[in-house]
Amino acid sequence: MYTPPAVRWHAGRSRLQWRVLALVALLLLCLNLACSLGPAALAQPAWLWAMSLCTWLAAGWGCYKTPSAILCWTGTHWLWQVVSHNAPARVECVLEFPGWVLLKIDVAGQPAFWLWLEQGPDAGHWSALRRALVFTQGLQSRGLEPAT
């Protein structure tokens, strides 16, 4: 069976996360303003503004605290490399678009987390990463897992 070659990818905060966060903030602001400036029936209490702000701040904190490491496909399994520590990881591709992917990553001894990866200037590495992800998806769809 063909296995994709080894690839390393710096995984961390994505510009897409910040764009989505900015869009959510803009939508919350527009919704709050529309309700505030609309007819008296739509007048909203101050606590709704506070909830919107808290939601946006919590999402921003989540983006800021996104883990940063090297996601490494060795040719047989995934590793999550932080400084000098290598931990086996289970990588599941949740959403896939031509320029970015949303991954769910389970690292041994840590809670699972979600990570957006974006295509960088090196298209060759991006293609290799996507081949490894597709290969892993194929294994998972057949009930198999990459070796650890």
N, C-alpha and C. Protein backbone atom coordinates (compact mmCIF):
# COMPACT_ATOMS: atom_id res chain seq x y z
N MET A 1 0.84 -1.17 0.00
CA MET A 1 0.00 0.00 0.00
C MET A 1 0.90 1.25 0.00
N TYR A 2 0.49 2.25 -0.77
CA TYR A 2 1.23 3.51 -0.85
C TYR A 2 1.03 4.31 0.42
N THR A 3 2.10 4.81 0.99
CA THR A 3 2.01 5.73 2.12
C THR A 3 2.68 7.04 1.72
N PRO A 4 2.08 8.15 2.07
CA PRO A 4 2.68 9.44 1.71
C PRO A 4 4.00 9.66 2.43
N PRO A 5 4.87 10.46 1.84
CA PRO A 5 6.18 10.71 2.47
C PRO A 5 6.05 11.54 3.74
N ALA A 6 7.10 11.53 4.52
CA ALA A 6 7.14 12.29 5.78
C ALA A 6 7.04 13.78 5.48
N VAL A 7 6.37 14.48 6.38
CA VAL A 7 6.22 15.94 6.24
C VAL A 7 6.13 16.55 7.64
N ARG A 8 6.65 17.76 7.76
CA ARG A 8 6.58 18.52 9.01
C ARG A 8 5.86 19.83 8.72
N TRP A 9 4.97 20.23 9.63
CA TRP A 9 4.20 21.45 9.42
C TRP A 9 4.12 22.22 10.73
N HIS A 10 4.50 23.50 10.67
CA HIS A 10 4.37 24.34 11.87
C HIS A 10 2.89 24.63 12.09
N ALA A 11 2.37 24.18 13.21
CA ALA A 11 0.96 24.36 13.53
C ALA A 11 0.85 25.35 14.68
N GLY A 12 0.00 26.30 14.51
CA GLY A 12 -0.21 27.31 15.54
C GLY A 12 -1.37 28.19 15.19
N ARG A 13 -1.34 29.42 15.67
CA ARG A 13 -2.42 30.36 15.37
C ARG A 13 -2.52 30.61 13.88
N SER A 14 -3.72 30.63 13.41
CA SER A 14 -4.00 30.82 11.99
C SER A 14 -4.62 32.19 11.76
N ARG A 15 -4.27 32.80 10.65
CA ARG A 15 -4.90 34.08 10.30
C ARG A 15 -6.40 33.90 10.11
N LEU A 16 -6.80 32.71 9.65
CA LEU A 16 -8.21 32.44 9.44
C LEU A 16 -8.99 32.54 10.75
N GLN A 17 -8.43 32.05 11.85
CA GLN A 17 -9.09 32.15 13.15
C GLN A 17 -9.39 33.60 13.48
N TRP A 18 -8.40 34.47 13.27
CA TRP A 18 -8.59 35.88 13.60
C TRP A 18 -9.60 36.54 12.66
N ARG A 19 -9.62 36.12 11.40
CA ARG A 19 -10.61 36.66 10.46
C ARG A 19 -12.02 36.27 10.87
N VAL A 20 -12.20 35.01 11.25
CA VAL A 20 -13.51 34.54 11.68
C VAL A 20 -13.92 35.26 12.95
N LEU A 21 -12.98 35.44 13.87
CA LEU A 21 -13.27 36.15 15.10
C LEU A 21 -13.69 37.59 14.82
N ALA A 22 -13.01 38.26 13.90
CA ALA A 22 -13.37 39.63 13.52
C ALA A 22 -14.76 39.67 12.88
N LEU A 23 -15.07 38.68 12.05
CA LEU A 23 -16.38 38.62 11.42
C LEU A 23 -17.48 38.41 12.45
N VAL A 24 -17.24 37.53 13.42
CA VAL A 24 -18.22 37.31 14.49
C VAL A 24 -18.42 38.59 15.30
N ALA A 25 -17.33 39.29 15.60
CA ALA A 25 -17.44 40.55 16.34
C ALA A 25 -18.26 41.57 15.56
N LEU A 26 -18.01 41.66 14.26
CA LEU A 26 -18.76 42.59 13.43
C LEU A 26 -20.24 42.22 13.38
N LEU A 27 -20.54 40.94 13.25
CA LEU A 27 -21.93 40.50 13.23
C LEU A 27 -22.63 40.77 14.56
N LEU A 28 -21.93 40.50 15.67
CA LEU A 28 -22.52 40.80 16.99
C LEU A 28 -22.78 42.29 17.15
N LEU A 29 -21.84 43.11 16.70
CA LEU A 29 -22.01 44.55 16.80
C LEU A 29 -23.20 45.01 15.96
N CYS A 30 -23.28 44.53 14.72
CA CYS A 30 -24.39 44.91 13.84
C CYS A 30 -25.73 44.47 14.42
N LEU A 31 -25.79 43.25 14.95
CA LEU A 31 -27.02 42.74 15.54
C LEU A 31 -27.42 43.57 16.75
N ASN A 32 -26.46 43.87 17.61
CA ASN A 32 -26.77 44.69 18.80
C ASN A 32 -27.21 46.08 18.41
N LEU A 33 -26.53 46.69 17.44
CA LEU A 33 -26.93 48.02 17.00
C LEU A 33 -28.30 48.02 16.36
N ALA A 34 -28.58 47.02 15.53
CA ALA A 34 -29.89 46.95 14.88
C ALA A 34 -31.01 46.80 15.91
N CYS A 35 -30.77 46.00 16.92
CA CYS A 35 -31.78 45.82 17.96
C CYS A 35 -31.92 47.06 18.83
N SER A 36 -30.80 47.74 19.08
CA SER A 36 -30.83 48.93 19.93
C SER A 36 -31.48 50.12 19.24
N LEU A 37 -31.24 50.25 17.95
CA LEU A 37 -31.74 51.41 17.21
C LEU A 37 -33.10 51.16 16.58
N GLY A 38 -33.60 49.93 16.69
CA GLY A 38 -34.88 49.57 16.08
C GLY A 38 -36.05 50.06 16.93
N PRO A 39 -37.22 49.58 16.58
CA PRO A 39 -38.43 49.95 17.35
C PRO A 39 -38.28 49.57 18.82
N ALA A 40 -39.10 50.17 19.63
CA ALA A 40 -39.03 49.93 21.08
C ALA A 40 -39.23 48.45 21.41
N ALA A 41 -39.96 47.71 20.57
CA ALA A 41 -40.19 46.29 20.83
C ALA A 41 -38.89 45.49 20.76
N LEU A 42 -37.90 46.02 20.03
CA LEU A 42 -36.63 45.31 19.90
C LEU A 42 -35.55 45.84 20.85
N ALA A 43 -35.93 46.81 21.68
CA ALA A 43 -34.92 47.37 22.59
C ALA A 43 -34.33 46.26 23.44
N GLN A 44 -33.02 46.27 23.55
CA GLN A 44 -32.37 45.20 24.27
C GLN A 44 -31.69 45.72 25.53
N PRO A 45 -31.65 44.91 26.55
CA PRO A 45 -31.02 45.33 27.81
C PRO A 45 -29.50 45.34 27.68
N ALA A 46 -28.88 46.01 28.63
CA ALA A 46 -27.42 46.15 28.63
C ALA A 46 -26.73 44.80 28.82
N TRP A 47 -27.38 43.86 29.50
CA TRP A 47 -26.75 42.56 29.73
C TRP A 47 -26.49 41.83 28.42
N LEU A 48 -27.30 42.09 27.37
CA LEU A 48 -27.07 41.44 26.09
C LEU A 48 -25.80 41.97 25.43
N TRP A 49 -25.54 43.27 25.59
CA TRP A 49 -24.27 43.83 25.11
C TRP A 49 -23.10 43.19 25.85
N ALA A 50 -23.26 43.05 27.16
CA ALA A 50 -22.20 42.46 27.98
C ALA A 50 -21.95 41.00 27.59
N MET A 51 -23.03 40.25 27.32
CA MET A 51 -22.87 38.86 26.90
C MET A 51 -22.14 38.77 25.55
N SER A 52 -22.48 39.67 24.64
CA SER A 52 -21.82 39.69 23.34
C SER A 52 -20.33 39.96 23.50
N LEU A 53 -20.01 40.94 24.34
CA LEU A 53 -18.60 41.27 24.57
C LEU A 53 -17.87 40.10 25.23
N CYS A 54 -18.49 39.46 26.21
CA CYS A 54 -17.85 38.31 26.88
C CYS A 54 -17.65 37.15 25.91
N THR A 55 -18.62 36.91 25.04
CA THR A 55 -18.49 35.85 24.04
C THR A 55 -17.31 36.13 23.13
N TRP A 56 -17.22 37.36 22.67
CA TRP A 56 -16.12 37.73 21.77
C TRP A 56 -14.77 37.62 22.49
N LEU A 57 -14.71 38.08 23.73
CA LEU A 57 -13.45 37.99 24.48
C LEU A 57 -13.04 36.54 24.73
N ALA A 58 -14.01 35.68 25.05
CA ALA A 58 -13.70 34.27 25.28
C ALA A 58 -13.19 33.62 23.98
N ALA A 59 -13.82 33.94 22.86
CA ALA A 59 -13.35 33.39 21.58
C ALA A 59 -11.95 33.92 21.26
N GLY A 60 -11.71 35.19 21.53
CA GLY A 60 -10.38 35.76 21.30
C GLY A 60 -9.33 35.11 22.17
N TRP A 61 -9.68 34.84 23.41
CA TRP A 61 -8.74 34.16 24.31
C TRP A 61 -8.44 32.75 23.80
N GLY A 62 -9.46 32.07 23.31
CA GLY A 62 -9.26 30.74 22.74
C GLY A 62 -8.33 30.77 21.54
N CYS A 63 -8.48 31.78 20.68
CA CYS A 63 -7.57 31.93 19.53
C CYS A 63 -6.16 32.21 20.01
N TYR A 64 -6.03 33.07 21.00
CA TYR A 64 -4.72 33.44 21.51
C TYR A 64 -4.01 32.24 22.15
N LYS A 65 -4.77 31.37 22.81
CA LYS A 65 -4.19 30.23 23.52
C LYS A 65 -4.04 28.99 22.63
N THR A 66 -4.23 29.14 21.33
CA THR A 66 -4.06 28.01 20.42
C THR A 66 -2.65 27.44 20.56
N PRO A 67 -2.53 26.12 20.75
CA PRO A 67 -1.19 25.55 20.92
C PRO A 67 -0.35 25.69 19.66
N SER A 68 0.94 25.79 19.86
CA SER A 68 1.87 25.93 18.75
C SER A 68 2.94 24.85 18.87
N ALA A 69 3.13 24.11 17.78
CA ALA A 69 4.12 23.04 17.76
C ALA A 69 4.35 22.63 16.31
N ILE A 70 5.07 21.55 16.13
CA ILE A 70 5.29 20.99 14.80
C ILE A 70 4.43 19.74 14.69
N LEU A 71 3.56 19.71 13.69
CA LEU A 71 2.78 18.52 13.39
C LEU A 71 3.58 17.72 12.38
N CYS A 72 3.90 16.51 12.72
CA CYS A 72 4.84 15.73 11.92
C CYS A 72 4.22 14.39 11.51
N TRP A 73 4.19 14.14 10.21
CA TRP A 73 3.81 12.83 9.68
C TRP A 73 5.11 12.12 9.36
N THR A 74 5.35 10.99 9.99
CA THR A 74 6.62 10.28 9.81
C THR A 74 6.60 9.32 8.63
N GLY A 75 5.44 9.15 8.05
CA GLY A 75 5.27 8.15 7.00
C GLY A 75 4.47 6.98 7.50
N THR A 76 4.38 6.84 8.82
CA THR A 76 3.58 5.76 9.42
C THR A 76 2.63 6.26 10.50
N HIS A 77 2.95 7.38 11.15
CA HIS A 77 2.10 7.91 12.22
C HIS A 77 2.35 9.41 12.40
N TRP A 78 1.47 10.04 13.17
CA TRP A 78 1.56 11.47 13.46
C TRP A 78 2.27 11.69 14.79
N LEU A 79 3.05 12.77 14.84
CA LEU A 79 3.68 13.21 16.09
C LEU A 79 3.36 14.68 16.30
N TRP A 80 3.22 15.06 17.57
CA TRP A 80 3.06 16.46 17.96
C TRP A 80 4.35 16.82 18.67
N GLN A 81 5.20 17.65 18.03
CA GLN A 81 6.52 17.96 18.57
C GLN A 81 6.53 19.35 19.20
N VAL A 82 6.75 19.38 20.50
CA VAL A 82 6.87 20.63 21.24
C VAL A 82 8.28 20.67 21.80
N VAL A 83 9.06 21.66 21.41
CA VAL A 83 10.45 21.83 21.78
C VAL A 83 11.20 20.52 21.54
N SER A 84 11.52 19.77 22.57
CA SER A 84 12.26 18.52 22.37
C SER A 84 11.42 17.29 22.71
N HIS A 85 10.13 17.49 22.91
CA HIS A 85 9.24 16.39 23.28
C HIS A 85 8.39 15.97 22.10
N ASN A 86 8.42 14.68 21.77
CA ASN A 86 7.58 14.12 20.72
C ASN A 86 6.47 13.30 21.37
N ALA A 87 5.23 13.60 21.04
CA ALA A 87 4.11 12.84 21.57
C ALA A 87 3.30 12.28 20.40
N PRO A 88 2.93 11.01 20.47
CA PRO A 88 2.08 10.47 19.41
C PRO A 88 0.74 11.20 19.40
N ALA A 89 0.20 11.40 18.22
CA ALA A 89 -1.04 12.15 18.09
C ALA A 89 -1.99 11.42 17.16
N ARG A 90 -3.27 11.57 17.42
CA ARG A 90 -4.30 11.10 16.51
C ARG A 90 -4.86 12.34 15.83
N VAL A 91 -4.77 12.39 14.52
CA VAL A 91 -5.20 13.56 13.76
C VAL A 91 -6.42 13.20 12.94
N GLU A 92 -7.47 13.99 13.10
CA GLU A 92 -8.70 13.78 12.36
C GLU A 92 -9.04 15.05 11.59
N CYS A 93 -9.19 14.94 10.31
CA CYS A 93 -9.54 16.09 9.46
C CYS A 93 -11.05 16.29 9.53
N VAL A 94 -11.49 17.44 10.04
CA VAL A 94 -12.90 17.71 10.23
C VAL A 94 -13.47 18.48 9.04
N LEU A 95 -12.79 19.52 8.61
CA LEU A 95 -13.17 20.30 7.43
C LEU A 95 -11.95 20.46 6.55
N GLU A 96 -12.17 20.39 5.26
CA GLU A 96 -11.05 20.50 4.33
C GLU A 96 -11.44 21.41 3.17
N PHE A 97 -10.65 22.43 2.96
CA PHE A 97 -10.81 23.35 1.84
C PHE A 97 -9.48 23.42 1.11
N PRO A 98 -9.45 23.98 -0.10
CA PRO A 98 -8.18 24.02 -0.83
C PRO A 98 -7.05 24.73 -0.09
N GLY A 99 -7.35 25.79 0.65
CA GLY A 99 -6.30 26.56 1.29
C GLY A 99 -6.16 26.37 2.78
N TRP A 100 -7.08 25.64 3.41
CA TRP A 100 -6.97 25.42 4.85
C TRP A 100 -7.73 24.16 5.25
N VAL A 101 -7.39 23.65 6.42
CA VAL A 101 -8.06 22.48 6.98
C VAL A 101 -8.28 22.71 8.47
N LEU A 102 -9.36 22.14 8.97
CA LEU A 102 -9.64 22.15 10.40
C LEU A 102 -9.39 20.74 10.91
N LEU A 103 -8.48 20.63 11.89
CA LEU A 103 -8.10 19.33 12.42
C LEU A 103 -8.52 19.20 13.88
N LYS A 104 -8.87 17.99 14.26
CA LYS A 104 -9.06 17.65 15.66
C LYS A 104 -7.86 16.80 16.03
N ILE A 105 -7.12 17.23 17.01
CA ILE A 105 -5.87 16.55 17.38
C ILE A 105 -5.97 16.03 18.81
N ASP A 106 -5.74 14.73 18.95
CA ASP A 106 -5.69 14.08 20.26
C ASP A 106 -4.24 13.71 20.53
N VAL A 107 -3.66 14.35 21.51
CA VAL A 107 -2.29 14.03 21.92
C VAL A 107 -2.38 13.28 23.24
N ALA A 108 -1.59 12.23 23.35
CA ALA A 108 -1.62 11.40 24.56
C ALA A 108 -1.41 12.25 25.81
N GLY A 109 -2.30 12.10 26.78
CA GLY A 109 -2.16 12.80 28.05
C GLY A 109 -2.68 14.24 28.04
N GLN A 110 -3.31 14.67 26.96
CA GLN A 110 -3.86 16.02 26.88
C GLN A 110 -5.29 15.94 26.36
N PRO A 111 -6.11 16.94 26.68
CA PRO A 111 -7.44 16.95 26.08
C PRO A 111 -7.33 17.25 24.58
N ALA A 112 -8.27 16.76 23.82
CA ALA A 112 -8.27 17.00 22.38
C ALA A 112 -8.45 18.51 22.12
N PHE A 113 -7.88 18.98 21.02
CA PHE A 113 -8.05 20.38 20.65
C PHE A 113 -8.23 20.48 19.14
N TRP A 114 -8.75 21.63 18.71
CA TRP A 114 -9.03 21.89 17.31
C TRP A 114 -8.01 22.88 16.79
N LEU A 115 -7.62 22.70 15.55
CA LEU A 115 -6.57 23.53 14.99
C LEU A 115 -6.82 23.80 13.51
N TRP A 116 -6.78 25.08 13.13
CA TRP A 116 -6.85 25.46 11.72
C TRP A 116 -5.43 25.50 11.17
N LEU A 117 -5.22 24.87 10.04
CA LEU A 117 -3.96 24.98 9.33
C LEU A 117 -4.22 25.67 8.00
N GLU A 118 -3.31 26.57 7.63
CA GLU A 118 -3.44 27.33 6.38
C GLU A 118 -2.27 27.04 5.46
N GLN A 119 -2.56 27.11 4.17
CA GLN A 119 -1.49 26.94 3.19
C GLN A 119 -0.54 28.13 3.29
N GLY A 120 0.73 27.82 3.32
CA GLY A 120 1.75 28.86 3.36
C GLY A 120 2.32 29.08 1.97
N PRO A 121 3.44 29.80 1.90
CA PRO A 121 4.03 30.08 0.60
C PRO A 121 4.63 28.85 -0.08
N ASP A 122 4.91 27.80 0.67
CA ASP A 122 5.50 26.59 0.10
C ASP A 122 4.40 25.59 -0.24
N ALA A 123 3.95 25.61 -1.48
CA ALA A 123 2.84 24.75 -1.90
C ALA A 123 3.21 23.27 -1.86
N GLY A 124 4.48 22.94 -2.02
CA GLY A 124 4.90 21.54 -1.98
C GLY A 124 4.66 20.89 -0.63
N HIS A 125 4.99 21.61 0.43
CA HIS A 125 4.75 21.07 1.76
C HIS A 125 3.26 20.95 2.04
N TRP A 126 2.48 21.92 1.57
CA TRP A 126 1.03 21.88 1.77
C TRP A 126 0.44 20.65 1.09
N SER A 127 0.88 20.37 -0.13
CA SER A 127 0.40 19.20 -0.86
C SER A 127 0.77 17.91 -0.13
N ALA A 128 1.99 17.85 0.39
CA ALA A 128 2.43 16.67 1.13
C ALA A 128 1.61 16.48 2.41
N LEU A 129 1.31 17.59 3.09
CA LEU A 129 0.50 17.52 4.30
C LEU A 129 -0.90 17.02 3.96
N ARG A 130 -1.49 17.54 2.90
CA ARG A 130 -2.84 17.12 2.51
C ARG A 130 -2.86 15.65 2.10
N ARG A 131 -1.81 15.17 1.42
CA ARG A 131 -1.74 13.75 1.07
C ARG A 131 -1.72 12.89 2.33
N ALA A 132 -0.94 13.31 3.32
CA ALA A 132 -0.88 12.56 4.58
C ALA A 132 -2.24 12.57 5.29
N LEU A 133 -2.93 13.71 5.26
CA LEU A 133 -4.25 13.79 5.89
C LEU A 133 -5.26 12.90 5.18
N VAL A 134 -5.24 12.92 3.85
CA VAL A 134 -6.17 12.08 3.09
C VAL A 134 -5.87 10.60 3.34
N PHE A 135 -4.60 10.25 3.41
CA PHE A 135 -4.22 8.87 3.70
C PHE A 135 -4.75 8.46 5.07
N THR A 136 -4.58 9.33 6.06
CA THR A 136 -5.06 9.04 7.41
C THR A 136 -6.58 8.90 7.43
N GLN A 137 -7.28 9.79 6.70
CA GLN A 137 -8.74 9.70 6.62
C GLN A 137 -9.16 8.35 6.03
N GLY A 138 -8.44 7.91 5.01
CA GLY A 138 -8.76 6.62 4.40
C GLY A 138 -8.61 5.48 5.39
N LEU A 139 -7.54 5.52 6.17
CA LEU A 139 -7.35 4.48 7.20
C LEU A 139 -8.47 4.53 8.23
N GLN A 140 -8.80 5.74 8.68
CA GLN A 140 -9.83 5.88 9.71
C GLN A 140 -11.20 5.44 9.20
N SER A 141 -11.49 5.70 7.91
CA SER A 141 -12.78 5.30 7.36
C SER A 141 -12.91 3.78 7.27
N ARG A 142 -11.79 3.08 7.20
CA ARG A 142 -11.80 1.61 7.17
C ARG A 142 -11.66 1.02 8.56
N GLY A 143 -11.68 1.87 9.58
CA GLY A 143 -11.57 1.39 10.95
C GLY A 143 -10.15 1.08 11.39
N LEU A 144 -9.19 1.56 10.62
CA LEU A 144 -7.78 1.35 10.96
C LEU A 144 -7.20 2.65 11.48
N GLU A 145 -6.11 2.57 12.16
CA GLU A 145 -5.40 3.75 12.64
C GLU A 145 -3.95 3.67 12.18
N PRO A 146 -3.32 4.82 11.90
CA PRO A 146 -1.89 4.77 11.63
C PRO A 146 -1.13 4.20 12.82
N ALA A 147 -0.01 3.57 12.55
CA ALA A 147 0.81 2.99 13.63
C ALA A 147 1.25 4.08 14.58
N THR A 148 1.44 3.74 15.85
CA THR A 148 1.92 4.73 16.81
C THR A 148 3.28 4.33 17.33
